[in-house]
N, C-alpha and C. Protein backbone atom coordinates (compact mmCIF):
# COMPACT_ATOMS: atom_id res chain seq x y z
N MET A 1 75.43 120.59 99.04
CA MET A 1 76.29 119.43 99.04
C MET A 1 76.91 119.19 100.41
N THR A 2 77.16 120.24 101.18
CA THR A 2 77.83 120.05 102.46
C THR A 2 76.96 119.27 103.44
N SER A 3 75.66 119.27 103.25
CA SER A 3 74.80 118.51 104.15
C SER A 3 74.96 117.00 103.98
N ALA A 4 75.47 116.56 102.82
CA ALA A 4 75.67 115.12 102.60
C ALA A 4 76.89 114.61 103.33
N ARG A 5 77.79 115.50 103.72
CA ARG A 5 79.04 115.10 104.35
C ARG A 5 78.84 114.25 105.61
N PRO A 6 77.99 114.65 106.57
CA PRO A 6 77.82 113.82 107.77
C PRO A 6 77.29 112.42 107.48
N ARG A 7 76.48 112.28 106.42
CA ARG A 7 75.96 110.96 106.08
C ARG A 7 77.09 109.99 105.74
N PHE A 8 78.17 110.52 105.22
CA PHE A 8 79.26 109.68 104.76
C PHE A 8 80.45 109.71 105.70
N ALA A 9 80.26 110.15 106.94
CA ALA A 9 81.36 110.24 107.88
C ALA A 9 82.01 108.89 108.15
N ALA A 10 81.25 107.80 108.03
CA ALA A 10 81.80 106.47 108.28
C ALA A 10 82.54 105.91 107.07
N VAL A 11 82.45 106.57 105.93
CA VAL A 11 83.07 106.03 104.72
C VAL A 11 84.59 105.96 104.82
N PRO A 12 85.31 107.05 105.24
CA PRO A 12 86.78 106.93 105.30
C PRO A 12 87.27 105.78 106.18
N PRO A 13 86.72 105.58 107.41
CA PRO A 13 87.19 104.42 108.18
C PRO A 13 86.92 103.08 107.48
N LEU A 14 85.78 102.98 106.79
CA LEU A 14 85.47 101.74 106.07
C LEU A 14 86.45 101.53 104.93
N LEU A 15 86.74 102.60 104.18
CA LEU A 15 87.69 102.49 103.08
C LEU A 15 89.08 102.14 103.58
N ILE A 16 89.48 102.76 104.67
CA ILE A 16 90.80 102.46 105.23
C ILE A 16 90.84 101.02 105.71
N GLY A 17 89.75 100.55 106.32
CA GLY A 17 89.68 99.15 106.75
C GLY A 17 89.77 98.20 105.57
N ALA A 18 89.07 98.52 104.51
CA ALA A 18 89.14 97.69 103.31
C ALA A 18 90.54 97.71 102.72
N LEU A 19 91.16 98.87 102.74
CA LEU A 19 92.52 98.99 102.23
C LEU A 19 93.49 98.15 103.07
N LEU A 20 93.33 98.21 104.38
CA LEU A 20 94.18 97.39 105.25
C LEU A 20 94.07 95.91 104.87
N GLY A 21 92.85 95.45 104.68
CA GLY A 21 92.64 94.06 104.28
C GLY A 21 93.26 93.75 102.94
N PHE A 22 93.10 94.69 101.99
CA PHE A 22 93.68 94.50 100.66
C PHE A 22 95.20 94.41 100.73
N ILE A 23 95.81 95.37 101.43
CA ILE A 23 97.28 95.38 101.51
C ILE A 23 97.78 94.15 102.23
N ALA A 24 97.12 93.78 103.32
CA ALA A 24 97.55 92.59 104.05
C ALA A 24 97.46 91.35 103.17
N GLY A 25 96.36 91.23 102.43
CA GLY A 25 96.21 90.09 101.52
C GLY A 25 97.23 90.13 100.40
N TYR A 26 97.51 91.31 99.94
CA TYR A 26 98.48 91.47 98.85
C TYR A 26 99.86 91.02 99.30
N PHE A 27 100.25 91.46 100.51
CA PHE A 27 101.55 91.05 101.03
C PHE A 27 101.56 89.57 101.39
N ALA A 28 100.45 89.06 101.91
CA ALA A 28 100.38 87.64 102.25
C ALA A 28 100.56 86.77 101.02
N ALA A 29 100.10 87.27 99.88
CA ALA A 29 100.25 86.53 98.62
C ALA A 29 101.60 86.81 97.98
N GLY A 30 102.44 87.55 98.68
CA GLY A 30 103.76 87.86 98.14
C GLY A 30 103.70 88.86 97.01
N GLY A 31 102.61 89.61 96.93
CA GLY A 31 102.47 90.61 95.88
C GLY A 31 102.17 90.02 94.52
N ALA A 32 101.83 88.74 94.51
CA ALA A 32 101.57 88.08 93.22
C ALA A 32 100.21 88.48 92.67
N ARG A 33 100.10 88.43 91.36
CA ARG A 33 98.81 88.69 90.73
C ARG A 33 97.84 87.59 91.10
N PRO A 34 96.61 87.94 91.38
CA PRO A 34 95.61 86.91 91.62
C PRO A 34 95.42 86.07 90.36
N SER A 35 94.98 84.84 90.55
CA SER A 35 94.75 84.00 89.38
C SER A 35 93.51 84.47 88.65
N ALA A 36 93.44 84.17 87.37
CA ALA A 36 92.30 84.61 86.57
C ALA A 36 91.06 83.76 86.83
N ALA A 37 91.23 82.57 87.35
CA ALA A 37 90.09 81.67 87.58
C ALA A 37 89.37 82.05 88.87
N ALA A 38 88.07 82.09 88.81
CA ALA A 38 87.27 82.37 89.99
C ALA A 38 87.15 81.10 90.82
N PRO A 39 87.07 81.22 92.14
CA PRO A 39 86.88 80.05 92.97
C PRO A 39 85.57 79.36 92.62
N ALA A 40 85.59 78.05 92.57
CA ALA A 40 84.40 77.29 92.16
C ALA A 40 83.24 77.54 93.11
N LYS A 41 83.52 77.68 94.41
CA LYS A 41 82.47 77.87 95.40
C LYS A 41 81.71 79.18 95.14
N ALA A 42 82.44 80.23 94.75
CA ALA A 42 81.80 81.53 94.53
C ALA A 42 81.09 81.62 93.18
N ALA A 43 81.47 80.78 92.24
CA ALA A 43 80.95 80.91 90.88
C ALA A 43 79.46 80.58 90.78
N ALA A 44 78.98 79.58 91.48
CA ALA A 44 77.60 79.17 91.33
C ALA A 44 76.60 80.23 91.79
N PRO A 45 76.69 80.73 93.06
CA PRO A 45 75.71 81.73 93.46
C PRO A 45 75.86 83.03 92.69
N ALA A 46 77.07 83.41 92.31
CA ALA A 46 77.29 84.68 91.61
C ALA A 46 76.79 84.63 90.18
N SER A 47 76.70 83.42 89.60
CA SER A 47 76.28 83.33 88.20
C SER A 47 74.87 83.86 88.01
N THR A 48 74.01 83.69 89.00
CA THR A 48 72.66 84.24 88.91
C THR A 48 72.73 85.76 88.85
N GLY A 49 73.57 86.36 89.67
CA GLY A 49 73.74 87.81 89.65
C GLY A 49 74.29 88.29 88.33
N ILE A 50 75.25 87.58 87.78
CA ILE A 50 75.83 87.95 86.49
C ILE A 50 74.77 87.87 85.41
N SER A 51 73.96 86.81 85.41
CA SER A 51 72.94 86.70 84.36
C SER A 51 71.93 87.83 84.47
N ASP A 52 71.61 88.25 85.69
CA ASP A 52 70.70 89.39 85.85
C ASP A 52 71.35 90.67 85.31
N LEU A 53 72.63 90.84 85.58
CA LEU A 53 73.34 92.02 85.07
C LEU A 53 73.44 91.98 83.55
N GLU A 54 73.70 90.80 83.00
CA GLU A 54 73.75 90.66 81.53
C GLU A 54 72.40 91.00 80.90
N LYS A 55 71.32 90.56 81.55
CA LYS A 55 69.97 90.87 81.04
C LYS A 55 69.72 92.37 81.07
N ALA A 56 70.17 93.03 82.13
CA ALA A 56 70.00 94.49 82.23
C ALA A 56 70.76 95.19 81.10
N VAL A 57 71.96 94.68 80.79
CA VAL A 57 72.75 95.28 79.70
C VAL A 57 72.10 94.99 78.35
N GLU A 58 71.52 93.79 78.19
CA GLU A 58 70.81 93.47 76.95
C GLU A 58 69.65 94.43 76.72
N LYS A 59 68.92 94.75 77.80
CA LYS A 59 67.78 95.65 77.69
C LYS A 59 68.22 97.07 77.33
N ASP A 60 69.37 97.49 77.87
CA ASP A 60 69.84 98.86 77.64
C ASP A 60 71.36 98.84 77.46
N PRO A 61 71.83 98.43 76.29
CA PRO A 61 73.27 98.27 76.06
C PRO A 61 74.05 99.58 76.07
N GLN A 62 73.36 100.71 76.07
CA GLN A 62 74.03 102.01 76.10
C GLN A 62 74.12 102.59 77.52
N ASN A 63 73.63 101.85 78.50
CA ASN A 63 73.58 102.34 79.88
C ASN A 63 74.93 102.11 80.56
N PRO A 64 75.71 103.19 80.80
CA PRO A 64 77.03 103.00 81.40
C PRO A 64 76.98 102.43 82.81
N LYS A 65 75.92 102.74 83.56
CA LYS A 65 75.82 102.20 84.93
C LYS A 65 75.58 100.70 84.90
N ALA A 66 74.76 100.24 83.97
CA ALA A 66 74.53 98.80 83.85
C ALA A 66 75.81 98.09 83.40
N LEU A 67 76.52 98.69 82.46
CA LEU A 67 77.78 98.10 81.99
C LEU A 67 78.82 98.06 83.10
N GLN A 68 78.88 99.14 83.87
CA GLN A 68 79.83 99.17 84.98
C GLN A 68 79.45 98.15 86.05
N ALA A 69 78.16 98.01 86.32
CA ALA A 69 77.71 97.01 87.29
C ALA A 69 78.07 95.60 86.81
N LEU A 70 77.92 95.34 85.51
CA LEU A 70 78.30 94.05 84.95
C LEU A 70 79.81 93.85 85.11
N GLY A 71 80.58 94.88 84.82
CA GLY A 71 82.03 94.81 85.03
C GLY A 71 82.36 94.51 86.48
N ASN A 72 81.65 95.15 87.40
CA ASN A 72 81.88 94.90 88.83
C ASN A 72 81.56 93.45 89.20
N GLY A 73 80.51 92.91 88.60
CA GLY A 73 80.16 91.51 88.87
C GLY A 73 81.26 90.56 88.42
N TYR A 74 81.76 90.79 87.21
CA TYR A 74 82.86 89.96 86.72
C TYR A 74 84.13 90.19 87.54
N TYR A 75 84.37 91.43 87.94
CA TYR A 75 85.52 91.77 88.77
C TYR A 75 85.48 90.94 90.05
N ASP A 76 84.31 90.93 90.70
CA ASP A 76 84.17 90.19 91.95
C ASP A 76 84.42 88.70 91.78
N LEU A 77 84.14 88.19 90.57
CA LEU A 77 84.40 86.78 90.28
C LEU A 77 85.84 86.52 89.88
N GLY A 78 86.59 87.59 89.62
CA GLY A 78 87.96 87.42 89.14
C GLY A 78 88.00 87.08 87.66
N ASP A 79 86.93 87.33 86.94
CA ASP A 79 86.87 87.09 85.50
C ASP A 79 87.31 88.39 84.81
N TRP A 80 88.63 88.54 84.70
CA TRP A 80 89.23 89.81 84.28
C TRP A 80 88.94 90.15 82.83
N GLU A 81 88.87 89.17 81.96
CA GLU A 81 88.58 89.45 80.55
C GLU A 81 87.19 90.04 80.38
N HIS A 82 86.20 89.39 80.99
CA HIS A 82 84.83 89.89 80.88
C HIS A 82 84.67 91.23 81.62
N ALA A 83 85.36 91.37 82.75
CA ALA A 83 85.30 92.64 83.48
C ALA A 83 85.86 93.76 82.62
N ALA A 84 87.03 93.53 82.01
CA ALA A 84 87.65 94.55 81.16
C ALA A 84 86.73 94.91 80.00
N ASP A 85 86.11 93.90 79.39
CA ASP A 85 85.22 94.16 78.27
C ASP A 85 84.04 95.04 78.70
N ALA A 86 83.41 94.70 79.80
CA ALA A 86 82.25 95.48 80.28
C ALA A 86 82.69 96.90 80.67
N TYR A 87 83.82 97.00 81.37
CA TYR A 87 84.32 98.32 81.76
C TYR A 87 84.68 99.16 80.54
N GLU A 88 85.27 98.55 79.52
CA GLU A 88 85.62 99.30 78.32
C GLU A 88 84.36 99.85 77.64
N ARG A 89 83.31 99.03 77.60
CA ARG A 89 82.06 99.50 77.00
C ARG A 89 81.45 100.63 77.82
N ALA A 90 81.55 100.53 79.15
CA ALA A 90 81.05 101.60 80.03
C ALA A 90 81.90 102.85 79.86
N ARG A 91 83.19 102.67 79.69
CA ARG A 91 84.11 103.79 79.54
C ARG A 91 83.80 104.62 78.29
N ARG A 92 83.36 103.97 77.24
CA ARG A 92 83.00 104.70 76.01
C ARG A 92 81.84 105.67 76.27
N LYS A 93 81.04 105.35 77.26
CA LYS A 93 79.88 106.20 77.59
C LYS A 93 80.20 107.20 78.70
N ASN A 94 81.17 106.87 79.54
CA ASN A 94 81.46 107.67 80.73
C ASN A 94 82.97 107.67 80.96
N THR A 95 83.68 108.55 80.28
CA THR A 95 85.14 108.50 80.28
C THR A 95 85.79 109.11 81.51
N GLY A 96 85.06 109.88 82.31
CA GLY A 96 85.70 110.58 83.41
C GLY A 96 85.46 110.02 84.79
N ASP A 97 85.01 108.81 84.90
CA ASP A 97 84.73 108.20 86.21
C ASP A 97 86.00 107.55 86.74
N ALA A 98 86.58 108.14 87.79
CA ALA A 98 87.84 107.64 88.34
C ALA A 98 87.72 106.20 88.84
N ASN A 99 86.60 105.86 89.45
CA ASN A 99 86.43 104.48 89.93
C ASN A 99 86.41 103.49 88.77
N LEU A 100 85.70 103.85 87.72
CA LEU A 100 85.64 103.00 86.53
C LEU A 100 87.03 102.82 85.93
N LEU A 101 87.76 103.92 85.76
CA LEU A 101 89.09 103.85 85.18
C LEU A 101 90.04 103.01 86.04
N SER A 102 89.94 103.17 87.34
CA SER A 102 90.81 102.41 88.24
C SER A 102 90.45 100.92 88.22
N ASP A 103 89.16 100.61 88.23
CA ASP A 103 88.75 99.20 88.18
C ASP A 103 89.17 98.56 86.86
N LEU A 104 89.04 99.31 85.77
CA LEU A 104 89.50 98.80 84.48
C LEU A 104 91.00 98.57 84.51
N GLY A 105 91.73 99.49 85.15
CA GLY A 105 93.17 99.31 85.30
C GLY A 105 93.52 98.05 86.07
N VAL A 106 92.76 97.77 87.12
CA VAL A 106 93.00 96.54 87.91
C VAL A 106 92.72 95.31 87.04
N ALA A 107 91.68 95.36 86.24
CA ALA A 107 91.38 94.22 85.36
C ALA A 107 92.55 93.99 84.39
N TYR A 108 93.05 95.06 83.79
CA TYR A 108 94.18 94.91 82.88
C TYR A 108 95.43 94.45 83.62
N ARG A 109 95.62 94.92 84.82
CA ARG A 109 96.77 94.47 85.62
C ARG A 109 96.71 92.96 85.81
N ASN A 110 95.53 92.48 86.12
CA ASN A 110 95.37 91.04 86.35
C ASN A 110 95.43 90.23 85.06
N LEU A 111 95.32 90.89 83.93
CA LEU A 111 95.50 90.23 82.63
C LEU A 111 96.95 90.34 82.17
N GLY A 112 97.79 90.98 82.98
CA GLY A 112 99.21 91.13 82.65
C GLY A 112 99.49 92.28 81.70
N GLU A 113 98.52 93.14 81.48
CA GLU A 113 98.70 94.29 80.58
C GLU A 113 99.04 95.52 81.43
N PHE A 114 100.30 95.53 81.90
CA PHE A 114 100.72 96.52 82.88
C PHE A 114 100.77 97.95 82.34
N LYS A 115 101.15 98.11 81.09
CA LYS A 115 101.22 99.45 80.51
C LYS A 115 99.81 100.07 80.45
N LYS A 116 98.83 99.29 79.99
CA LYS A 116 97.44 99.77 79.95
C LYS A 116 96.96 100.11 81.36
N ALA A 117 97.29 99.23 82.31
CA ALA A 117 96.86 99.45 83.69
C ALA A 117 97.43 100.76 84.22
N ALA A 118 98.72 101.00 84.02
CA ALA A 118 99.35 102.23 84.52
C ALA A 118 98.70 103.46 83.88
N THR A 119 98.45 103.38 82.59
CA THR A 119 97.81 104.50 81.89
C THR A 119 96.43 104.79 82.48
N LEU A 120 95.68 103.75 82.76
CA LEU A 120 94.33 103.94 83.32
C LEU A 120 94.38 104.49 84.74
N PHE A 121 95.35 104.03 85.55
CA PHE A 121 95.47 104.58 86.90
C PHE A 121 95.80 106.07 86.84
N ARG A 122 96.65 106.45 85.90
CA ARG A 122 96.99 107.87 85.74
C ARG A 122 95.78 108.68 85.24
N LYS A 123 95.01 108.10 84.32
CA LYS A 123 93.80 108.79 83.84
C LYS A 123 92.79 108.95 84.98
N ALA A 124 92.70 107.97 85.85
CA ALA A 124 91.80 108.07 87.00
C ALA A 124 92.24 109.23 87.89
N ARG A 125 93.54 109.38 88.07
CA ARG A 125 94.08 110.48 88.87
C ARG A 125 93.80 111.83 88.21
N GLU A 126 93.87 111.87 86.88
CA GLU A 126 93.55 113.12 86.17
C GLU A 126 92.07 113.46 86.34
N ALA A 127 91.23 112.45 86.29
CA ALA A 127 89.79 112.66 86.43
C ALA A 127 89.44 113.12 87.84
N ASN A 128 90.17 112.59 88.82
CA ASN A 128 89.93 112.94 90.22
C ASN A 128 91.25 112.86 90.98
N PRO A 129 91.92 113.99 91.16
CA PRO A 129 93.22 113.99 91.85
C PRO A 129 93.17 113.44 93.27
N ASP A 130 91.98 113.42 93.88
CA ASP A 130 91.84 112.88 95.24
C ASP A 130 91.52 111.39 95.26
N HIS A 131 91.59 110.74 94.14
CA HIS A 131 91.28 109.30 94.05
C HIS A 131 92.51 108.50 94.49
N TRP A 132 92.59 108.30 95.80
CA TRP A 132 93.78 107.65 96.37
C TRP A 132 93.92 106.20 95.92
N GLN A 133 92.79 105.54 95.61
CA GLN A 133 92.86 104.14 95.21
C GLN A 133 93.69 103.96 93.94
N SER A 134 93.52 104.87 92.99
CA SER A 134 94.28 104.74 91.74
C SER A 134 95.76 105.00 91.97
N LEU A 135 96.09 105.90 92.88
CA LEU A 135 97.49 106.14 93.20
C LEU A 135 98.09 104.93 93.92
N LEU A 136 97.35 104.36 94.85
CA LEU A 136 97.83 103.14 95.52
C LEU A 136 97.99 102.01 94.51
N ASN A 137 97.02 101.85 93.61
CA ASN A 137 97.12 100.81 92.59
C ASN A 137 98.37 101.01 91.73
N LEU A 138 98.70 102.25 91.44
CA LEU A 138 99.89 102.54 90.65
C LEU A 138 101.16 102.18 91.42
N VAL A 139 101.19 102.48 92.70
CA VAL A 139 102.34 102.09 93.53
C VAL A 139 102.50 100.57 93.53
N LEU A 140 101.41 99.86 93.72
CA LEU A 140 101.47 98.39 93.76
C LEU A 140 101.90 97.82 92.41
N LEU A 141 101.40 98.39 91.34
CA LEU A 141 101.77 97.95 90.00
C LEU A 141 103.27 98.15 89.76
N GLU A 142 103.77 99.34 90.07
CA GLU A 142 105.18 99.63 89.85
C GLU A 142 106.07 98.78 90.75
N THR A 143 105.59 98.47 91.95
CA THR A 143 106.38 97.70 92.90
C THR A 143 106.40 96.23 92.55
N PHE A 144 105.24 95.62 92.43
CA PHE A 144 105.17 94.17 92.35
C PHE A 144 105.12 93.61 90.93
N ASP A 145 104.61 94.39 90.00
CA ASP A 145 104.46 93.86 88.64
C ASP A 145 105.58 94.35 87.72
N ARG A 146 105.77 95.63 87.69
CA ARG A 146 106.81 96.18 86.82
C ARG A 146 108.18 96.14 87.49
N ARG A 147 108.18 96.08 88.82
CA ARG A 147 109.41 96.04 89.60
C ARG A 147 110.33 97.21 89.25
N ASP A 148 109.70 98.37 89.11
CA ASP A 148 110.41 99.61 88.79
C ASP A 148 110.53 100.42 90.08
N GLY A 149 111.65 100.24 90.76
CA GLY A 149 111.85 100.88 92.06
C GLY A 149 111.78 102.39 92.03
N ALA A 150 112.35 103.00 91.00
CA ALA A 150 112.34 104.47 90.92
C ALA A 150 110.91 104.99 90.75
N ALA A 151 110.16 104.38 89.84
CA ALA A 151 108.78 104.81 89.61
C ALA A 151 107.93 104.53 90.85
N ALA A 152 108.12 103.36 91.46
CA ALA A 152 107.36 103.01 92.66
C ALA A 152 107.65 104.01 93.78
N GLN A 153 108.92 104.37 93.94
CA GLN A 153 109.29 105.32 95.00
C GLN A 153 108.65 106.68 94.76
N LYS A 154 108.68 107.14 93.53
CA LYS A 154 108.08 108.43 93.18
C LYS A 154 106.58 108.44 93.52
N GLU A 155 105.88 107.39 93.10
CA GLU A 155 104.44 107.32 93.36
C GLU A 155 104.14 107.13 94.84
N LEU A 156 104.98 106.36 95.53
CA LEU A 156 104.79 106.15 96.97
C LEU A 156 104.98 107.46 97.73
N GLU A 157 105.94 108.26 97.33
CA GLU A 157 106.15 109.56 97.98
C GLU A 157 104.93 110.45 97.78
N GLU A 158 104.36 110.42 96.59
CA GLU A 158 103.14 111.20 96.33
C GLU A 158 101.99 110.67 97.19
N LEU A 159 101.85 109.36 97.28
CA LEU A 159 100.81 108.76 98.12
C LEU A 159 100.99 109.17 99.57
N ARG A 160 102.19 109.09 100.06
CA ARG A 160 102.50 109.44 101.46
C ARG A 160 102.22 110.94 101.71
N ARG A 161 102.59 111.79 100.75
CA ARG A 161 102.39 113.22 100.89
C ARG A 161 100.90 113.58 100.87
N ARG A 162 100.16 112.99 99.93
CA ARG A 162 98.76 113.35 99.75
C ARG A 162 97.82 112.65 100.73
N PHE A 163 98.16 111.41 101.08
CA PHE A 163 97.24 110.61 101.89
C PHE A 163 97.99 109.91 103.03
N PRO A 164 98.52 110.68 103.99
CA PRO A 164 99.35 110.09 105.05
C PRO A 164 98.58 109.14 105.97
N GLU A 165 97.26 109.21 105.94
CA GLU A 165 96.45 108.35 106.82
C GLU A 165 96.37 106.90 106.34
N ILE A 166 96.82 106.63 105.12
CA ILE A 166 96.74 105.27 104.60
C ILE A 166 97.70 104.38 105.39
N PRO A 167 97.22 103.27 105.92
CA PRO A 167 98.05 102.40 106.75
C PRO A 167 99.02 101.56 105.92
N ASN A 168 99.99 101.02 106.61
CA ASN A 168 100.96 100.07 106.07
C ASN A 168 101.89 100.63 105.01
N MET A 169 102.03 101.94 104.96
CA MET A 169 102.94 102.50 103.96
C MET A 169 104.39 102.15 104.27
N ASP A 170 104.70 101.93 105.55
CA ASP A 170 106.07 101.53 105.89
C ASP A 170 106.39 100.16 105.29
N ARG A 171 105.43 99.25 105.34
CA ARG A 171 105.65 97.92 104.73
C ARG A 171 105.81 98.04 103.22
N LEU A 172 105.04 98.90 102.63
CA LEU A 172 105.15 99.12 101.19
C LEU A 172 106.51 99.75 100.87
N GLN A 173 106.95 100.67 101.72
CA GLN A 173 108.27 101.30 101.52
C GLN A 173 109.37 100.23 101.59
N GLU A 174 109.23 99.27 102.49
CA GLU A 174 110.21 98.18 102.58
C GLU A 174 110.28 97.40 101.27
N GLN A 175 109.13 97.13 100.67
CA GLN A 175 109.09 96.39 99.41
C GLN A 175 109.75 97.19 98.29
N VAL A 176 109.48 98.49 98.27
CA VAL A 176 110.08 99.35 97.25
C VAL A 176 111.59 99.38 97.44
N ALA A 177 112.03 99.48 98.69
CA ALA A 177 113.47 99.52 98.99
C ALA A 177 114.15 98.24 98.52
N LYS A 178 113.48 97.09 98.68
CA LYS A 178 114.06 95.82 98.22
C LYS A 178 114.29 95.84 96.71
N ILE A 179 113.34 96.40 95.99
CA ILE A 179 113.46 96.46 94.54
C ILE A 179 114.59 97.39 94.13
N ARG A 180 114.68 98.50 94.85
CA ARG A 180 115.71 99.49 94.52
C ARG A 180 117.09 98.96 94.89
N GLY A 181 117.11 98.01 95.82
CA GLY A 181 118.28 97.25 96.24
C GLY A 181 119.51 97.97 96.48
């Protein structure tokens, strides 16, 4: 397994770059939940991809990878209901995938089901304690959606302790401090 490590040496900088973009966009939107409607421009070309994914699931409805891929397709479109449905079906087949649990949590977050989302982010952390995305998602949920300053602070401290390389934590700390008032 250690020989695979150099192949993925570029992954952490890419993930951190993606995270920077996510956090910047999140703050630019004022921490608001994205709308459930997908942009019209993106819907047309993506619909072909979705229909291909749906066909793959029809051929093998028990395939968790196909279900997760379908969930990812709906996720990318911002179709949170369909994403949650596909992820839930994949979860029944593969309960310990931290990425799946975290993505399902994001879908529920965007549907306004914050308690389910928090539970899923915590389950993702149990499945993989090094899954920083689920911990960050939990901080964002507690900060912007639940507006629970104490919980957000606790999770942010854990994020800072475990993953100090994550950028913009000072800005996130400012948002938590505002809530704690």
